[in-house]
Amino acid sequence: MSRTLTRSSQAARRGCGGSRHAGARVASVALALRWASSRWPFVEDEVGGLRPWVRPGAVCLDIGAEYGLYTWSLSALAGPSGQVHSVEPLPGPAGWLRTAAAVLGCDNVTVHRMALAARAQDGTMSLPRRRLLPVHGRAYLTEGASGPGPNTEFRASRPVPAPVRTVDGLCHHMRLDRVDFIKADVEGAEAAVLSGARRTLLRHRPVLLLEIEDRHLAKYGTEPADLVTRLGALDYTMYRRRAGRWQRVTQVTDDCRNYLFTAGPLTSH
């Protein structure tokens, strides 16, 4: 694990909002994001539906955090007694997350500059560029990928070295005795994240919010139905957000890319 991870863990244990003013700042940002989620297409609707699943004191993982669309909302909902572990492998967004967390006073946010996958290794992110500008939200982990998939639409990309760890390893290193909520948006590597999270899923039974898109999964040799079946075997039930409500569904469809899974009593392994 990185030295940054170790230093940041001390901040996570102090709780969010070292002062009342700091707590108000992040609450204001979270409120603005919830408002925008039903009005602006670049703020995902699911941001406005986190409250039923994230209670005060919750421990959350935001995997593929980028600039913190979910991190700040999770921070406000988890509150001073909770923790948010914001995982972002690219140095630019990770640095921005640390700065923003300090400005907002989010002492319950820990930023980890790494990718999460099926096993620990040294990895490489492929960061595409459009008109010389990096497109951070479309970067993907090259390990396990057969090619760029839909990123062929970009004329250029550059490799970015990044340490790769697992969810189970991160939870062990941070000595987390609970994990309540995991969001993962990793451009198709969601199956690898789940493989590296098996112990966490079995022990803590967290709620999951996963981006599931066939176009990204395909470059890792995975299909949406594979993820649904895999989580169903662990007694997870799937939902999607529609018209401001979570609705139970049984399959992934082209008009929705984010799906929430809740864990029932585990009857078999």
C-alpha atoms as a PDB file:
ATOM      1  CA  MET A   1       0.000   0.000   0.000  1.00  0.00           C
ATOM      2  CA  SER A   2       1.132   3.558  -0.662  1.00  0.00           C
ATOM      3  CA  ARG A   3       2.445   5.972   1.924  1.00  0.00           C
ATOM      4  CA  THR A   4      -0.351   8.328   0.944  1.00  0.00           C
ATOM      5  CA  LEU A   5      -2.916   5.682   1.876  1.00  0.00           C
ATOM      6  CA  THR A   6      -1.368   5.262   5.306  1.00  0.00           C
ATOM      7  CA  ARG A   7      -1.233   9.017   5.991  1.00  0.00           C
ATOM      8  CA  SER A   8      -4.791   9.487   4.792  1.00  0.00           C
ATOM      9  CA  SER A   9      -6.141   6.756   7.048  1.00  0.00           C
ATOM     10  CA  GLN A  10      -5.474   8.960  10.068  1.00  0.00           C
ATOM     11  CA  ALA A  11      -7.780  11.619   8.657  1.00  0.00           C
ATOM     12  CA  ALA A  12     -10.500   9.069   7.968  1.00  0.00           C
ATOM     13  CA  ARG A  13     -10.681   8.083  11.637  1.00  0.00           C
ATOM     14  CA  ARG A  14     -11.231  11.680  12.772  1.00  0.00           C
ATOM     15  CA  GLY A  15     -14.675  11.830  11.167  1.00  0.00           C
ATOM     16  CA  CYS A  16     -16.250  14.180   8.634  1.00  0.00           C
ATOM     17  CA  GLY A  17     -16.371  17.868   9.232  1.00  0.00           C
ATOM     18  CA  GLY A  18     -13.880  18.687  11.936  1.00  0.00           C
ATOM     19  CA  SER A  19     -16.108  21.704  12.644  1.00  0.00           C
ATOM     20  CA  ARG A  20     -19.759  22.568  12.232  1.00  0.00           C
ATOM     21  CA  HIS A  21     -18.843  24.868   9.347  1.00  0.00           C
ATOM     22  CA  ALA A  22     -16.975  22.096   7.535  1.00  0.00           C
ATOM     23  CA  GLY A  23     -19.951  19.760   7.910  1.00  0.00           C
ATOM     24  CA  ALA A  24     -22.211  22.449   6.477  1.00  0.00           C
ATOM     25  CA  ARG A  25     -19.935  22.886   3.462  1.00  0.00           C
ATOM     26  CA  VAL A  26     -20.025  19.255   2.395  1.00  0.00           C
ATOM     27  CA  ALA A  27     -23.752  19.051   3.159  1.00  0.00           C
ATOM     28  CA  SER A  28     -24.317  21.990   0.821  1.00  0.00           C
ATOM     29  CA  VAL A  29     -22.331  20.313  -1.942  1.00  0.00           C
ATOM     30  CA  ALA A  30     -24.259  17.059  -1.450  1.00  0.00           C
ATOM     31  CA  LEU A  31     -27.575  18.923  -1.547  1.00  0.00           C
ATOM     32  CA  ALA A  32     -26.560  20.660  -4.772  1.00  0.00           C
ATOM     33  CA  LEU A  33     -25.630  17.301  -6.331  1.00  0.00           C
ATOM     34  CA  ARG A  34     -28.974  15.762  -5.341  1.00  0.00           C
ATOM     35  CA  TRP A  35     -30.767  18.744  -6.873  1.00  0.00           C
ATOM     36  CA  ALA A  36     -28.709  18.502 -10.061  1.00  0.00           C
ATOM     37  CA  SER A  37     -29.175  14.737 -10.376  1.00  0.00           C
ATOM     38  CA  SER A  38     -32.779  15.201 -11.524  1.00  0.00           C
ATOM     39  CA  ARG A  39     -32.030  18.155 -13.792  1.00  0.00           C
ATOM     40  CA  TRP A  40     -28.584  17.878 -15.378  1.00  0.00           C
ATOM     41  CA  PRO A  41     -27.622  14.851 -17.491  1.00  0.00           C
ATOM     42  CA  PHE A  42     -23.969  14.860 -16.417  1.00  0.00           C
ATOM     43  CA  VAL A  43     -24.977  14.347 -12.742  1.00  0.00           C
ATOM     44  CA  GLU A  44     -26.270  10.789 -12.521  1.00  0.00           C
ATOM     45  CA  ASP A  45     -29.804  10.326 -11.207  1.00  0.00           C
ATOM     46  CA  GLU A  46     -28.572   7.675  -8.771  1.00  0.00           C
ATOM     47  CA  VAL A  47     -26.756  10.370  -6.765  1.00  0.00           C
ATOM     48  CA  GLY A  48     -30.165  11.589  -5.624  1.00  0.00           C
ATOM     49  CA  GLY A  49     -31.178   8.130  -4.426  1.00  0.00           C
ATOM     50  CA  LEU A  50     -28.387   7.247  -2.018  1.00  0.00           C
ATOM     51  CA  ARG A  51     -30.054   8.271   1.241  1.00  0.00           C
ATOM     52  CA  PRO A  52     -32.032   5.036   1.849  1.00  0.00           C
ATOM     53  CA  TRP A  53     -28.845   2.995   1.556  1.00  0.00           C
ATOM     54  CA  VAL A  54     -26.247   5.114   3.371  1.00  0.00           C
ATOM     55  CA  ARG A  55     -26.933   5.857   7.023  1.00  0.00           C
ATOM     56  CA  PRO A  56     -24.881   7.895   9.519  1.00  0.00           C
ATOM     57  CA  GLY A  57     -21.813   5.906  10.511  1.00  0.00           C
ATOM     58  CA  ALA A  58     -21.695   3.972   7.238  1.00  0.00           C
ATOM     59  CA  VAL A  59     -18.387   2.854   5.732  1.00  0.00           C
ATOM     60  CA  CYS A  60     -18.386   3.383   1.971  1.00  0.00           C
ATOM     61  CA  LEU A  61     -16.066   2.708  -0.958  1.00  0.00           C
ATOM     62  CA  ASP A  62     -16.228   4.955  -4.029  1.00  0.00           C
ATOM     63  CA  ILE A  63     -14.278   2.970  -6.633  1.00  0.00           C
ATOM     64  CA  GLY A  64     -13.466   4.967  -9.732  1.00  0.00           C
ATOM     65  CA  ALA A  65     -14.194   8.213  -7.925  1.00  0.00           C
ATOM     66  CA  GLU A  66     -12.805  10.589 -10.579  1.00  0.00           C
ATOM     67  CA  TYR A  67     -13.742  14.075  -9.265  1.00  0.00           C
ATOM     68  CA  GLY A  68     -15.998  12.909  -6.438  1.00  0.00           C
ATOM     69  CA  LEU A  69     -19.525  12.999  -7.830  1.00  0.00           C
ATOM     70  CA  TYR A  70     -20.414  10.242  -5.350  1.00  0.00           C
ATOM     71  CA  THR A  71     -17.690  10.878  -2.774  1.00  0.00           C
ATOM     72  CA  TRP A  72     -19.171  14.145  -1.485  1.00  0.00           C
ATOM     73  CA  SER A  73     -22.715  12.800  -1.260  1.00  0.00           C
ATOM     74  CA  LEU A  74     -21.502   9.688   0.565  1.00  0.00           C
ATOM     75  CA  SER A  75     -19.424  11.844   2.904  1.00  0.00           C
ATOM     76  CA  ALA A  76     -22.435  13.950   3.903  1.00  0.00           C
ATOM     77  CA  LEU A  77     -24.681  10.919   4.393  1.00  0.00           C
ATOM     78  CA  ALA A  78     -22.130   8.882   6.383  1.00  0.00           C
ATOM     79  CA  GLY A  79     -21.441  11.868   8.641  1.00  0.00           C
ATOM     80  CA  PRO A  80     -18.784  12.344  11.333  1.00  0.00           C
ATOM     81  CA  SER A  81     -18.911   8.743  12.519  1.00  0.00           C
ATOM     82  CA  GLY A  82     -18.633   7.258   9.017  1.00  0.00           C
ATOM     83  CA  GLN A  83     -15.873   6.748   6.483  1.00  0.00           C
ATOM     84  CA  VAL A  84     -15.625   7.171   2.712  1.00  0.00           C
ATOM     85  CA  HIS A  85     -12.698   5.542   0.921  1.00  0.00           C
ATOM     86  CA  SER A  86     -12.391   7.296  -2.420  1.00  0.00           C
ATOM     87  CA  VAL A  87     -10.403   5.147  -4.869  1.00  0.00           C
ATOM     88  CA  GLU A  88      -9.011   6.853  -7.975  1.00  0.00           C
ATOM     89  CA  PRO A  89      -5.977   5.571  -9.933  1.00  0.00           C
ATOM     90  CA  LEU A  90      -5.218   8.700 -11.994  1.00  0.00           C
ATOM     91  CA  PRO A  91      -2.921  11.260 -10.325  1.00  0.00           C
ATOM     92  CA  GLY A  92      -4.787  14.371 -11.555  1.00  0.00           C
ATOM     93  CA  PRO A  93      -8.251  13.523 -10.216  1.00  0.00           C
ATOM     94  CA  ALA A  94      -6.775  11.894  -7.086  1.00  0.00           C
ATOM     95  CA  GLY A  95      -4.873  15.089  -6.280  1.00  0.00           C
ATOM     96  CA  TRP A  96      -7.990  17.154  -6.881  1.00  0.00           C
ATOM     97  CA  LEU A  97      -9.990  14.898  -4.541  1.00  0.00           C
ATOM     98  CA  ARG A  98      -7.471  15.408  -1.747  1.00  0.00           C
ATOM     99  CA  THR A  99      -7.516  19.167  -2.206  1.00  0.00           C
ATOM    100  CA  ALA A 100     -11.308  19.331  -2.345  1.00  0.00           C
ATOM    101  CA  ALA A 101     -11.640  17.131   0.742  1.00  0.00           C
ATOM    102  CA  ALA A 102      -9.352  19.483   2.659  1.00  0.00           C
ATOM    103  CA  VAL A 103     -11.237  22.586   1.491  1.00  0.00           C
ATOM    104  CA  LEU A 104     -14.609  21.069   2.350  1.00  0.00           C
ATOM    105  CA  GLY A 105     -13.349  19.756   5.685  1.00  0.00           C
ATOM    106  CA  CYS A 106     -14.261  16.169   4.799  1.00  0.00           C
ATOM    107  CA  ASP A 107     -12.101  14.445   7.367  1.00  0.00           C
ATOM    108  CA  ASN A 108     -14.072  11.242   6.841  1.00  0.00           C
ATOM    109  CA  VAL A 109     -12.808  10.983   3.240  1.00  0.00           C
ATOM    110  CA  THR A 110      -9.650   8.995   2.525  1.00  0.00           C
ATOM    111  CA  VAL A 111      -8.249   9.158  -1.003  1.00  0.00           C
ATOM    112  CA  HIS A 112      -6.417   6.105  -2.345  1.00  0.00           C
ATOM    113  CA  ARG A 113      -4.440   6.599  -5.567  1.00  0.00           C
ATOM    114  CA  MET A 114      -4.816   3.077  -6.955  1.00  0.00           C
ATOM    115  CA  ALA A 115      -7.003   0.806  -9.066  1.00  0.00           C
ATOM    116  CA  LEU A 116      -8.899  -2.150  -7.647  1.00  0.00           C
ATOM    117  CA  ALA A 117      -9.174  -5.455  -9.486  1.00  0.00           C
ATOM    118  CA  ALA A 118      -8.959  -9.230  -8.975  1.00  0.00           C
ATOM    119  CA  ARG A 119      -5.380  -9.297  -7.652  1.00  0.00           C
ATOM    120  CA  ALA A 120      -2.620  -6.992  -6.487  1.00  0.00           C
ATOM    121  CA  GLN A 121      -0.043  -6.047  -9.112  1.00  0.00           C
ATOM    122  CA  ASP A 122       1.599  -3.137 -10.870  1.00  0.00           C
ATOM    123  CA  GLY A 123      -0.867  -1.934 -13.480  1.00  0.00           C
ATOM    124  CA  THR A 124      -1.341   0.539 -16.294  1.00  0.00           C
ATOM    125  CA  MET A 125      -4.279   2.799 -17.002  1.00  0.00           C
ATOM    126  CA  SER A 126      -4.985   3.787 -20.603  1.00  0.00           C
ATOM    127  CA  LEU A 127      -5.952   7.472 -20.505  1.00  0.00           C
ATOM    128  CA  PRO A 128      -7.600   8.651 -23.736  1.00  0.00           C
ATOM    129  CA  ARG A 129      -7.314  12.182 -25.076  1.00  0.00           C
ATOM    130  CA  ARG A 130      -9.732  14.311 -27.013  1.00  0.00           C
ATOM    131  CA  ARG A 131      -8.292  17.446 -28.649  1.00  0.00           C
ATOM    132  CA  LEU A 132      -5.184  17.058 -26.452  1.00  0.00           C
ATOM    133  CA  LEU A 133      -7.272  17.029 -23.252  1.00  0.00           C
ATOM    134  CA  PRO A 134      -7.384  13.917 -21.026  1.00  0.00           C
ATOM    135  CA  VAL A 135     -10.762  12.168 -20.751  1.00  0.00           C
ATOM    136  CA  HIS A 136     -10.405  10.819 -17.215  1.00  0.00           C
ATOM    137  CA  GLY A 137     -13.856   9.251 -17.099  1.00  0.00           C
ATOM    138  CA  ARG A 138     -12.983   6.850 -19.921  1.00  0.00           C
ATOM    139  CA  ALA A 139      -9.625   5.624 -18.621  1.00  0.00           C
ATOM    140  CA  TYR A 140      -9.441   1.853 -18.147  1.00  0.00           C
ATOM    141  CA  LEU A 141      -7.117  -0.723 -16.639  1.00  0.00           C
ATOM    142  CA  THR A 142      -5.223  -2.478 -19.430  1.00  0.00           C
ATOM    143  CA  GLU A 143      -4.520  -5.655 -17.418  1.00  0.00           C
ATOM    144  CA  GLY A 144      -7.124  -8.204 -18.457  1.00  0.00           C
ATOM    145  CA  ALA A 145      -8.435  -6.138 -21.361  1.00  0.00           C
ATOM    146  CA  SER A 146      -8.276  -7.477 -24.925  1.00  0.00           C
ATOM    147  CA  GLY A 147      -8.083  -3.987 -26.410  1.00  0.00           C
ATOM    148  CA  PRO A 148      -9.510  -0.478 -26.124  1.00  0.00           C
ATOM    149  CA  GLY A 149     -13.115  -1.467 -26.817  1.00  0.00           C
ATOM    150  CA  PRO A 150     -15.243   1.658 -27.351  1.00  0.00           C
ATOM    151  CA  ASN A 151     -12.202   3.856 -26.721  1.00  0.00           C
ATOM    152  CA  THR A 152     -11.308   3.411 -30.365  1.00  0.00           C
ATOM    153  CA  GLU A 153     -13.307   6.618 -30.814  1.00  0.00           C
ATOM    154  CA  PHE A 154     -10.340   8.511 -29.358  1.00  0.00           C
ATOM    155  CA  ARG A 155      -7.405   9.187 -31.647  1.00  0.00           C
ATOM    156  CA  ALA A 156      -4.806   9.130 -28.894  1.00  0.00           C
ATOM    157  CA  SER A 157      -4.188   7.781 -25.416  1.00  0.00           C
ATOM    158  CA  ARG A 158      -1.285   7.497 -23.041  1.00  0.00           C
ATOM    159  CA  PRO A 159      -0.318   4.885 -20.455  1.00  0.00           C
ATOM    160  CA  VAL A 160      -0.410   5.884 -16.783  1.00  0.00           C
ATOM    161  CA  PRO A 161       1.234   3.525 -14.257  1.00  0.00           C
ATOM    162  CA  ALA A 162      -0.971   2.738 -11.277  1.00  0.00           C
ATOM    163  CA  PRO A 163      -0.765   0.309  -8.368  1.00  0.00           C
ATOM    164  CA  VAL A 164      -3.524  -2.290  -8.416  1.00  0.00           C
ATOM    165  CA  ARG A 165      -4.971  -3.725  -5.214  1.00  0.00           C
ATOM    166  CA  THR A 166      -8.126  -5.623  -4.244  1.00  0.00           C
ATOM    167  CA  VAL A 167     -11.162  -4.581  -2.234  1.00  0.00           C
ATOM    168  CA  ASP A 168     -10.380  -7.328   0.267  1.00  0.00           C
ATOM    169  CA  GLY A 169      -6.788  -6.127   0.564  1.00  0.00           C
ATOM    170  CA  LEU A 170      -7.819  -2.511   1.028  1.00  0.00           C
ATOM    171  CA  CYS A 171     -10.352  -3.409   3.714  1.00  0.00           C
ATOM    172  CA  HIS A 172      -7.770  -5.520   5.536  1.00  0.00           C
ATOM    173  CA  HIS A 173      -5.116  -2.808   5.331  1.00  0.00           C
ATOM    174  CA  MET A 174      -7.528  -0.160   6.636  1.00  0.00           C
ATOM    175  CA  ARG A 175      -8.801  -2.538   9.327  1.00  0.00           C
ATOM    176  CA  LEU A 176     -12.403  -1.978   8.368  1.00  0.00           C
ATOM    177  CA  ASP A 177     -14.769  -3.906  10.625  1.00  0.00           C
ATOM    178  CA  ARG A 178     -17.747  -3.031   8.423  1.00  0.00           C
ATOM    179  CA  VAL A 179     -18.420  -2.085   4.811  1.00  0.00           C
ATOM    180  CA  ASP A 180     -21.927  -0.830   4.094  1.00  0.00           C
ATOM    181  CA  PHE A 181     -21.866   0.564   0.557  1.00  0.00           C
ATOM    182  CA  ILE A 182     -19.661   0.094  -2.506  1.00  0.00           C
ATOM    183  CA  LYS A 183     -19.976   2.090  -5.725  1.00  0.00           C
ATOM    184  CA  ALA A 184     -17.859   0.938  -8.677  1.00  0.00           C
ATOM    185  CA  ASP A 185     -17.520   2.625 -12.058  1.00  0.00           C
ATOM    186  CA  VAL A 186     -14.405   1.137 -13.635  1.00  0.00           C
ATOM    187  CA  GLU A 187     -15.117   1.088 -17.368  1.00  0.00           C
ATOM    188  CA  GLY A 188     -15.804  -2.615 -17.697  1.00  0.00           C
ATOM    189  CA  ALA A 189     -13.535  -4.065 -15.001  1.00  0.00           C
ATOM    190  CA  GLU A 190     -16.428  -4.482 -12.548  1.00  0.00           C
ATOM    191  CA  ALA A 191     -16.135  -8.298 -12.653  1.00  0.00           C
ATOM    192  CA  ALA A 192     -12.478  -8.053 -11.605  1.00  0.00           C
ATOM    193  CA  VAL A 193     -13.429  -5.735  -8.735  1.00  0.00           C
ATOM    194  CA  LEU A 194     -16.013  -8.269  -7.542  1.00  0.00           C
ATOM    195  CA  SER A 195     -13.463 -11.093  -7.763  1.00  0.00           C
ATOM    196  CA  GLY A 196     -11.160  -9.159  -5.458  1.00  0.00           C
ATOM    197  CA  ALA A 197     -14.034  -8.378  -3.091  1.00  0.00           C
ATOM    198  CA  ARG A 198     -15.398 -11.858  -2.402  1.00  0.00           C
ATOM    199  CA  ARG A 199     -14.403 -11.935   1.269  1.00  0.00           C
ATOM    200  CA  THR A 200     -15.875  -8.468   1.799  1.00  0.00           C
ATOM    201  CA  LEU A 201     -19.152  -9.385   0.086  1.00  0.00           C
ATOM    202  CA  LEU A 202     -19.542 -12.556   2.137  1.00  0.00           C
ATOM    203  CA  ARG A 203     -18.588 -10.995   5.455  1.00  0.00           C
ATOM    204  CA  HIS A 204     -20.119  -7.516   5.312  1.00  0.00           C
ATOM    205  CA  ARG A 205     -22.904  -7.845   2.697  1.00  0.00           C
ATOM    206  CA  PRO A 206     -22.612  -4.241   1.452  1.00  0.00           C
ATOM    207  CA  VAL A 207     -25.085  -2.566  -0.876  1.00  0.00           C
ATOM    208  CA  LEU A 208     -23.514  -2.293  -4.350  1.00  0.00           C
ATOM    209  CA  LEU A 209     -23.979   0.352  -7.036  1.00  0.00           C
ATOM    210  CA  LEU A 210     -22.320  -0.812 -10.255  1.00  0.00           C
ATOM    211  CA  GLU A 211     -22.005   0.647 -13.699  1.00  0.00           C
ATOM    212  CA  ILE A 212     -22.888  -2.192 -16.088  1.00  0.00           C
ATOM    213  CA  GLU A 213     -22.443  -1.464 -19.783  1.00  0.00           C
ATOM    214  CA  ASP A 214     -21.956  -4.161 -22.390  1.00  0.00           C
ATOM    215  CA  ARG A 215     -19.672  -1.980 -24.536  1.00  0.00           C
ATOM    216  CA  HIS A 216     -17.127  -1.681 -21.708  1.00  0.00           C
ATOM    217  CA  LEU A 217     -17.509  -5.178 -20.246  1.00  0.00           C
ATOM    218  CA  ALA A 218     -16.851  -6.799 -23.631  1.00  0.00           C
ATOM    219  CA  LYS A 219     -13.184  -5.834 -23.697  1.00  0.00           C
ATOM    220  CA  TYR A 220     -12.727  -7.900 -20.517  1.00  0.00           C
ATOM    221  CA  GLY A 221     -14.661 -10.860 -21.925  1.00  0.00           C
ATOM    222  CA  THR A 222     -17.682 -10.277 -19.687  1.00  0.00           C
ATOM    223  CA  GLU A 223     -21.378  -9.752 -20.368  1.00  0.00           C
ATOM    224  CA  PRO A 224     -23.955  -7.942 -18.190  1.00  0.00           C
ATOM    225  CA  ALA A 225     -25.798 -11.204 -17.524  1.00  0.00           C
ATOM    226  CA  ASP A 226     -22.579 -12.674 -16.081  1.00  0.00           C
ATOM    227  CA  LEU A 227     -22.489 -10.035 -13.341  1.00  0.00           C
ATOM    228  CA  VAL A 228     -26.190 -10.385 -12.564  1.00  0.00           C
ATOM    229  CA  THR A 229     -25.909 -14.173 -12.300  1.00  0.00           C
ATOM    230  CA  ARG A 230     -22.785 -13.947 -10.191  1.00  0.00           C
ATOM    231  CA  LEU A 231     -24.367 -11.596  -7.678  1.00  0.00           C
ATOM    232  CA  GLY A 232     -27.619 -13.550  -7.709  1.00  0.00           C
ATOM    233  CA  ALA A 233     -25.649 -16.594  -6.576  1.00  0.00           C
ATOM    234  CA  LEU A 234     -24.595 -14.531  -3.560  1.00  0.00           C
ATOM    235  CA  ASP A 235     -28.245 -13.674  -2.815  1.00  0.00           C
ATOM    236  CA  TYR A 236     -28.092 -10.121  -4.157  1.00  0.00           C
ATOM    237  CA  THR A 237     -31.233  -8.500  -5.598  1.00  0.00           C
ATOM    238  CA  MET A 238     -30.981  -5.940  -8.426  1.00  0.00           C
ATOM    239  CA  TYR A 239     -32.666  -2.544  -8.734  1.00  0.00           C
ATOM    240  CA  ARG A 240     -32.547   0.409 -11.106  1.00  0.00           C
ATOM    241  CA  ARG A 241     -33.480   4.054 -10.596  1.00  0.00           C
ATOM    242  CA  ARG A 242     -36.511   5.194 -12.608  1.00  0.00           C
ATOM    243  CA  ALA A 243     -38.712   8.284 -12.151  1.00  0.00           C
ATOM    244  CA  GLY A 244     -37.042   9.041  -8.822  1.00  0.00           C
ATOM    245  CA  ARG A 245     -37.608   5.572  -7.370  1.00  0.00           C
ATOM    246  CA  TRP A 246     -35.682   2.327  -7.065  1.00  0.00           C
ATOM    247  CA  GLN A 247     -37.432  -0.461  -8.942  1.00  0.00           C
ATOM    248  CA  ARG A 248     -36.586  -4.148  -8.774  1.00  0.00           C
ATOM    249  CA  VAL A 249     -35.413  -5.582 -12.091  1.00  0.00           C
ATOM    250  CA  THR A 250     -34.002  -8.889 -13.278  1.00  0.00           C
ATOM    251  CA  GLN A 251     -31.892  -7.901 -16.272  1.00  0.00           C
ATOM    252  CA  VAL A 252     -29.700  -5.121 -17.598  1.00  0.00           C
ATOM    253  CA  THR A 253     -31.196  -3.012 -20.398  1.00  0.00           C
ATOM    254  CA  ASP A 254     -29.663  -0.535 -22.827  1.00  0.00           C
ATOM    255  CA  ASP A 255     -31.497   2.478 -21.370  1.00  0.00           C
ATOM    256  CA  CYS A 256     -29.832   2.194 -17.953  1.00  0.00           C
ATOM    257  CA  ARG A 257     -26.174   1.841 -16.993  1.00  0.00           C
ATOM    258  CA  ASN A 258     -26.190   1.945 -13.163  1.00  0.00           C
ATOM    259  CA  TYR A 259     -27.687  -0.846 -11.072  1.00  0.00           C
ATOM    260  CA  LEU A 260     -28.038  -1.235  -7.332  1.00  0.00           C
ATOM    261  CA  PHE A 261     -27.766  -4.592  -5.566  1.00  0.00           C
ATOM    262  CA  THR A 262     -28.923  -5.338  -2.038  1.00  0.00           C
ATOM    263  CA  ALA A 263     -27.864  -8.408  -0.101  1.00  0.00           C
ATOM    264  CA  GLY A 264     -30.319 -10.878   1.349  1.00  0.00           C
ATOM    265  CA  PRO A 265     -29.556 -13.560   3.927  1.00  0.00           C
ATOM    266  CA  LEU A 266     -26.720 -15.675   2.605  1.00  0.00           C
ATOM    267  CA  THR A 267     -27.989 -19.226   2.170  1.00  0.00           C
ATOM    268  CA  SER A 268     -25.020 -20.685   0.328  1.00  0.00           C
ATOM    269  CA  HIS A 269     -21.474 -19.824  -0.687  1.00  0.00           C
END
